[in-house]
Amino acid sequence: MTTPFGFASSAADVAAGIDLTGRRAVVTGGSSGIGVETARALAVTGAEVTLAVRDTAAGERVAKDIAAATGNRRVHVGRLDLTDPASVAAFAAAWQGPLHVLVNNAGVMACPEQYTELGWEMQFATNHLGHFALANGLHRALAADGSARIVVVSSTGHQSSPVVFDDVNFAFRAYDPWLAYGQSKTANVLFAVEATRRWREDGITANALMPGAIYTNLQRHTGGRGSGKVPAELIKTVEQGAATSVLLATSPLLEGIGARYFVDCNETETETVDRRTGNLHGVARYALDPANAQRLWSLSENLLATGG
């Protein structure tokens, strides 16, 4: 599907004219980078927005700034550590009432080899497993709306690696930060595919997106410039980087649409690909494969159930 927006569109452009008064949204990682601009644009529409963050002091500062800038006082902060199942469970348990939009925005990129206390590789744990647990924990609240949306921030980096089901935690493979990142971003797309299949009857749809190349704190492990391979003319501002997330969260054009992958505010115009494209577009065939999506869901459930 196509929309009137594109590469240069900002989150404010996409949100213009949208009224989400009375609706509620959660943005993970809402205290930095494109999460801030996503939350700001949602607040402009009149939505009640909760920033789900590890650093609640930073979150409170951002919430105060958004409230002052938009006039929307319904901007809240909740503590959420995606690498800690207990923290995720506590956030979900504390939620009261319906939830209309969940933006799975938080993430880490190309970090040195690290593992959570449960032995999960850090990027897979943060980018996928934590969000998987959060969405499942909030499922009842999402289903209560009847037309809720889950927005999943993925990346063209997913083309670096499929999910290696027999070794998601690099127990056998030599750790590579970009392969680990790619695997986690593939998992993001597969989650959107399977969540839509499982929850469509509840009115819940999920879509994944590539926000673009943006210089934010996400690049702290890579010298502040991501892969360093993106031409300067393809670098987006933070406001532009948040646009596709806001589109998927708010646009009437997305009503009832799920299990798709978007770039520059449009479903990627490149067909599913069987090898790396070398550009910021295209979605790997393995990332949209329904069998892979179901297998990942089962694996994720098992990891969370067994804690290992």
Protein backbone atom coordinates (compact mmCIF):
# COMPACT_ATOMS: atom_id res chain seq x y z
CA MET A 1 0.00 0.00 0.00
CA THR A 2 1.07 3.59 -0.58
CA THR A 3 0.42 6.82 1.33
CA PRO A 4 0.84 10.54 0.60
CA PHE A 5 3.98 10.60 2.75
CA GLY A 6 7.58 9.70 2.05
CA PHE A 7 11.26 9.97 2.95
CA ALA A 8 11.18 13.65 3.95
CA SER A 9 7.90 13.54 5.90
CA SER A 10 8.13 14.29 9.61
CA ALA A 11 6.15 12.83 12.47
CA ALA A 12 4.27 16.14 12.70
CA ASP A 13 3.37 15.95 9.00
CA VAL A 14 1.94 12.48 9.43
CA ALA A 15 0.02 13.35 12.60
CA ALA A 16 -1.53 16.53 11.21
CA GLY A 17 -5.31 16.39 11.31
CA ILE A 18 -5.44 13.15 13.30
CA ASP A 19 -7.60 13.18 16.44
CA LEU A 20 -6.88 10.42 18.97
CA THR A 21 -8.60 12.07 21.91
CA GLY A 22 -9.69 9.37 24.34
CA ARG A 23 -7.21 6.83 23.03
CA ARG A 24 -4.17 5.54 24.90
CA ALA A 25 -0.69 4.70 23.68
CA VAL A 26 2.49 3.19 25.10
CA VAL A 27 5.87 4.02 23.56
CA THR A 28 8.82 1.95 24.77
CA GLY A 29 12.11 3.82 24.81
CA GLY A 30 10.14 7.05 24.81
CA SER A 31 12.80 9.12 26.55
CA SER A 32 15.34 9.32 23.71
CA GLY A 33 15.79 9.32 19.95
CA ILE A 34 12.82 8.68 17.71
CA GLY A 35 10.84 7.49 20.73
CA VAL A 36 10.60 11.08 21.96
CA GLU A 37 9.32 12.35 18.63
CA THR A 38 6.90 9.44 18.29
CA ALA A 39 5.47 10.21 21.72
CA ARG A 40 5.36 13.94 20.97
CA ALA A 41 3.41 13.42 17.74
CA LEU A 42 0.96 11.09 19.48
CA ALA A 43 0.46 13.67 22.22
CA VAL A 44 -0.32 16.30 19.58
CA THR A 45 -3.19 14.12 18.35
CA GLY A 46 -4.70 14.22 21.84
CA ALA A 47 -3.83 10.66 22.81
CA GLU A 48 -2.91 9.75 26.36
CA VAL A 49 0.72 8.66 26.10
CA THR A 50 2.82 6.57 28.47
CA LEU A 51 6.59 6.53 28.09
CA ALA A 52 7.82 3.07 29.08
CA VAL A 53 11.46 3.58 30.02
CA ARG A 54 14.30 2.24 32.18
CA ASP A 55 15.43 5.71 33.30
CA THR A 56 12.30 7.21 34.80
CA ALA A 57 14.05 10.49 35.66
CA ALA A 58 14.87 11.01 31.99
CA GLY A 59 11.34 9.95 31.14
CA GLU A 60 9.85 12.53 33.50
CA ARG A 61 11.92 15.27 31.90
CA VAL A 62 10.74 14.29 28.44
CA ALA A 63 7.12 13.95 29.58
CA LYS A 64 7.23 17.42 31.09
CA ASP A 65 8.68 18.86 27.88
CA ILE A 66 6.08 17.14 25.69
CA ALA A 67 3.23 18.30 27.92
CA ALA A 68 4.48 21.87 27.84
CA ALA A 69 5.02 21.86 24.07
CA THR A 70 1.72 20.22 23.13
CA GLY A 71 -0.63 21.31 25.89
CA ASN A 72 -1.50 17.66 26.46
CA ARG A 73 -1.11 16.91 30.17
CA ARG A 74 -1.91 13.24 29.75
CA VAL A 75 1.71 12.19 29.28
CA HIS A 76 2.88 9.63 31.81
CA VAL A 77 5.98 7.62 32.65
CA GLY A 78 6.25 3.95 33.61
CA ARG A 79 9.35 1.98 34.45
CA LEU A 80 10.18 -0.82 32.04
CA ASP A 81 13.39 -2.85 31.68
CA LEU A 82 12.91 -5.07 28.66
CA THR A 83 15.75 -7.38 29.69
CA ASP A 84 14.05 -8.21 33.01
CA PRO A 85 10.92 -10.39 32.73
CA ALA A 86 9.83 -9.30 36.21
CA SER A 87 9.92 -5.64 35.18
CA VAL A 88 7.92 -6.37 32.03
CA ALA A 89 5.36 -8.35 34.02
CA ALA A 90 5.05 -5.57 36.58
CA PHE A 91 4.44 -2.95 33.90
CA ALA A 92 1.75 -5.08 32.25
CA ALA A 93 0.11 -5.95 35.57
CA ALA A 94 -0.09 -2.28 36.55
CA TRP A 95 -1.87 -1.29 33.34
CA GLN A 96 -5.54 -0.56 33.83
CA GLY A 97 -8.15 -0.27 31.10
CA PRO A 98 -7.86 -0.54 27.32
CA LEU A 99 -4.73 0.13 25.27
CA HIS A 100 -5.13 1.36 21.71
CA VAL A 101 -1.55 1.68 20.45
CA LEU A 102 1.63 -0.11 21.52
CA VAL A 103 4.82 1.17 19.90
CA ASN A 104 7.69 -1.30 20.37
CA ASN A 105 10.39 1.30 19.81
CA ALA A 106 13.17 0.68 22.33
CA GLY A 107 16.26 -1.17 21.22
CA VAL A 108 20.00 -1.65 21.20
CA MET A 109 22.30 -1.87 18.18
CA ALA A 110 25.52 -3.79 17.60
CA CYS A 111 26.49 -3.91 21.26
CA PRO A 112 29.51 -5.89 22.51
CA GLU A 113 28.81 -9.47 23.53
CA GLN A 114 26.55 -9.34 26.57
CA TYR A 115 23.99 -11.62 28.18
CA THR A 116 21.13 -11.05 30.56
CA GLU A 117 20.98 -12.73 33.96
CA LEU A 118 18.94 -15.48 32.32
CA GLY A 119 21.64 -16.09 29.71
CA TRP A 120 19.87 -14.45 26.77
CA GLU A 121 21.94 -12.56 24.19
CA MET A 122 21.36 -8.87 24.93
CA GLN A 123 20.10 -7.70 21.53
CA PHE A 124 17.68 -10.61 21.09
CA ALA A 125 16.50 -10.12 24.68
CA THR A 126 15.97 -6.37 24.40
CA ASN A 127 14.78 -5.94 20.85
CA HIS A 128 12.58 -9.03 20.66
CA LEU A 129 11.96 -11.07 23.80
CA GLY A 130 11.17 -8.11 26.07
CA HIS A 131 8.72 -6.67 23.58
CA PHE A 132 7.22 -10.11 22.95
CA ALA A 133 6.56 -10.49 26.68
CA LEU A 134 5.20 -6.96 26.92
CA ALA A 135 2.72 -7.40 24.07
CA ASN A 136 1.52 -10.69 25.50
CA GLY A 137 1.21 -9.15 28.95
CA LEU A 138 -0.86 -6.31 27.51
CA HIS A 139 -2.90 -8.52 25.19
CA ARG A 140 -6.10 -8.23 27.18
CA ALA A 141 -5.83 -4.43 27.23
CA LEU A 142 -5.16 -4.36 23.49
CA ALA A 143 -8.05 -6.71 22.78
CA ALA A 144 -10.40 -4.54 24.83
CA ASP A 145 -10.14 -1.80 22.21
CA GLY A 146 -11.31 -3.90 19.29
CA SER A 147 -9.03 -2.16 16.80
CA ALA A 148 -5.68 -1.84 18.54
CA ARG A 149 -2.38 -1.48 16.72
CA ILE A 150 1.10 -2.69 17.52
CA VAL A 151 3.93 -0.82 15.81
CA VAL A 152 7.25 -2.67 15.69
CA VAL A 153 10.46 -0.78 14.94
CA SER A 154 12.70 -3.10 12.93
CA SER A 155 15.55 -2.23 10.55
CA THR A 156 17.06 -2.99 7.18
CA GLY A 157 19.68 -4.62 9.38
CA HIS A 158 17.34 -7.62 9.46
CA GLN A 159 18.84 -8.55 6.10
CA SER A 160 22.10 -9.38 7.89
CA SER A 161 20.69 -12.50 9.49
CA PRO A 162 17.59 -14.66 9.78
CA VAL A 163 16.67 -15.99 13.21
CA VAL A 164 19.04 -18.90 13.79
CA PHE A 165 16.59 -20.99 15.78
CA ASP A 166 19.13 -23.52 17.02
CA ASP A 167 21.49 -20.84 18.33
CA VAL A 168 19.70 -17.58 19.09
CA ASN A 169 22.07 -16.94 22.01
CA PHE A 170 25.34 -17.55 20.13
CA ALA A 171 26.22 -20.55 22.26
CA PHE A 172 27.90 -22.19 19.26
CA ARG A 173 28.49 -19.39 16.77
CA ALA A 174 31.22 -16.81 17.32
CA TYR A 175 29.47 -13.66 18.45
CA ASP A 176 29.17 -10.90 15.87
CA PRO A 177 27.37 -7.68 16.93
CA TRP A 178 25.84 -7.06 13.51
CA LEU A 179 24.63 -10.63 13.06
CA ALA A 180 23.06 -10.46 16.51
CA TYR A 181 21.41 -7.16 15.64
CA GLY A 182 20.16 -8.53 12.33
CA GLN A 183 18.70 -11.61 14.00
CA SER A 184 16.83 -9.48 16.54
CA LYS A 185 15.45 -7.19 13.83
CA THR A 186 14.26 -10.19 11.80
CA ALA A 187 12.53 -11.36 14.96
CA ASN A 188 10.73 -8.00 15.11
CA VAL A 189 9.23 -8.50 11.65
CA LEU A 190 8.28 -12.10 12.36
CA PHE A 191 6.54 -11.01 15.56
CA ALA A 192 4.35 -8.61 13.57
CA VAL A 193 3.42 -11.41 11.17
CA GLU A 194 2.42 -13.90 13.85
CA ALA A 195 0.79 -11.40 16.23
CA THR A 196 -1.51 -10.31 13.42
CA ARG A 197 -2.39 -13.92 12.59
CA ARG A 198 -3.07 -14.89 16.19
CA TRP A 199 -4.83 -11.74 17.33
CA ARG A 200 -6.69 -10.48 14.27
CA GLU A 201 -9.99 -11.78 15.68
CA ASP A 202 -9.36 -9.54 18.69
CA GLY A 203 -9.05 -6.59 16.32
CA ILE A 204 -5.29 -6.34 16.91
CA THR A 205 -2.95 -5.75 13.98
CA ALA A 206 0.84 -5.38 13.99
CA ASN A 207 3.16 -3.92 11.39
CA ALA A 208 6.94 -3.58 11.27
CA LEU A 209 8.99 -0.72 9.90
CA MET A 210 12.41 0.57 9.02
CA PRO A 211 12.62 4.13 10.43
CA GLY A 212 15.58 5.11 8.27
CA ALA A 213 19.14 6.03 9.12
CA ILE A 214 19.07 8.49 12.02
CA TYR A 215 21.90 9.52 14.33
CA THR A 216 20.67 8.92 17.88
CA ASN A 217 21.85 7.27 21.08
CA LEU A 218 21.10 3.94 19.40
CA GLN A 219 24.50 4.26 17.70
CA ARG A 220 26.44 4.57 20.96
CA HIS A 221 28.21 1.25 20.32
CA THR A 222 29.19 2.17 16.77
CA GLY A 223 30.85 5.54 17.20
CA GLY A 224 27.63 7.45 16.69
CA ARG A 225 27.31 6.73 12.98
CA GLY A 226 25.61 3.35 12.72
CA SER A 227 27.19 1.12 10.11
CA GLY A 228 28.96 4.11 8.57
CA LYS A 229 27.82 2.99 5.11
CA VAL A 230 24.79 5.22 4.58
CA PRO A 231 25.29 8.22 2.23
CA ALA A 232 24.78 11.60 3.87
CA GLU A 233 21.77 12.41 1.68
CA LEU A 234 19.92 9.39 3.11
CA ILE A 235 20.34 10.39 6.76
CA LYS A 236 17.08 11.51 8.34
CA THR A 237 16.38 13.93 11.15
CA VAL A 238 14.90 12.47 14.32
CA GLU A 239 11.54 13.99 13.38
CA GLN A 240 11.66 12.28 9.99
CA GLY A 241 12.81 9.03 11.58
CA ALA A 242 9.68 8.91 13.74
CA ALA A 243 7.31 9.49 10.84
CA THR A 244 6.75 5.87 9.79
CA SER A 245 6.07 4.79 13.37
CA VAL A 246 3.50 7.56 13.75
CA LEU A 247 1.89 6.67 10.43
CA LEU A 248 1.42 3.04 11.46
CA ALA A 249 0.07 4.13 14.83
CA THR A 250 -2.42 6.73 13.62
CA SER A 251 -3.32 6.68 9.92
CA PRO A 252 -6.86 5.64 8.92
CA LEU A 253 -5.22 4.04 5.88
CA LEU A 254 -3.84 1.31 8.16
CA GLU A 255 -7.19 0.30 9.63
CA GLY A 256 -7.32 -3.50 9.69
CA ILE A 257 -3.95 -3.89 7.96
CA GLY A 258 -1.22 -5.98 9.57
CA ALA A 259 1.76 -8.27 9.00
CA ARG A 260 3.45 -5.81 6.63
CA TYR A 261 6.79 -4.01 6.46
CA PHE A 262 7.07 -0.27 5.83
CA VAL A 263 9.88 2.08 4.81
CA ASP A 264 9.60 5.85 4.35
CA CYS A 265 5.90 5.80 5.31
CA ASN A 266 4.97 3.24 2.64
CA GLU A 267 4.89 -0.50 2.39
CA THR A 268 8.31 -1.22 0.99
CA GLU A 269 8.11 -0.93 -2.78
CA THR A 270 10.77 -3.60 -3.17
CA GLU A 271 9.35 -7.11 -3.26
CA THR A 272 10.53 -9.63 -0.72
CA VAL A 273 14.19 -10.30 -1.43
CA ASP A 274 16.38 -13.39 -1.31
CA ARG A 275 19.69 -11.57 -0.74
CA ARG A 276 20.87 -8.32 0.85
CA THR A 277 19.75 -5.35 -1.24
CA GLY A 278 22.56 -2.97 -0.33
CA ASN A 279 20.05 -0.17 0.29
CA LEU A 280 17.59 0.78 3.00
CA HIS A 281 14.58 -0.85 1.33
CA GLY A 282 13.45 -4.41 0.83
CA VAL A 283 12.32 -7.06 3.26
CA ALA A 284 13.90 -10.50 3.38
CA ARG A 285 11.61 -13.35 2.44
CA TYR A 286 12.53 -15.20 5.63
CA ALA A 287 11.32 -12.24 7.72
CA LEU A 288 7.75 -12.53 6.40
CA ASP A 289 7.61 -16.32 6.32
CA PRO A 290 4.56 -17.54 8.32
CA ALA A 291 6.27 -20.80 9.31
CA ASN A 292 9.26 -18.90 10.69
CA ALA A 293 6.89 -16.56 12.53
CA GLN A 294 5.06 -19.42 14.22
CA ARG A 295 8.32 -21.12 15.12
CA LEU A 296 9.70 -17.94 16.67
CA TRP A 297 6.53 -17.45 18.71
CA SER A 298 6.83 -20.96 20.14
CA LEU A 299 10.53 -20.51 20.85
CA SER A 300 9.88 -17.18 22.59
CA GLU A 301 7.14 -18.65 24.75
CA ASN A 302 9.44 -21.49 25.74
CA LEU A 303 12.35 -19.19 26.60
CA LEU A 304 10.15 -17.03 28.79
CA ALA A 305 8.50 -20.02 30.43
CA THR A 306 11.75 -21.79 31.27
CA GLY A 307 13.86 -18.71 31.90
CA GLY A 308 16.66 -20.08 29.76
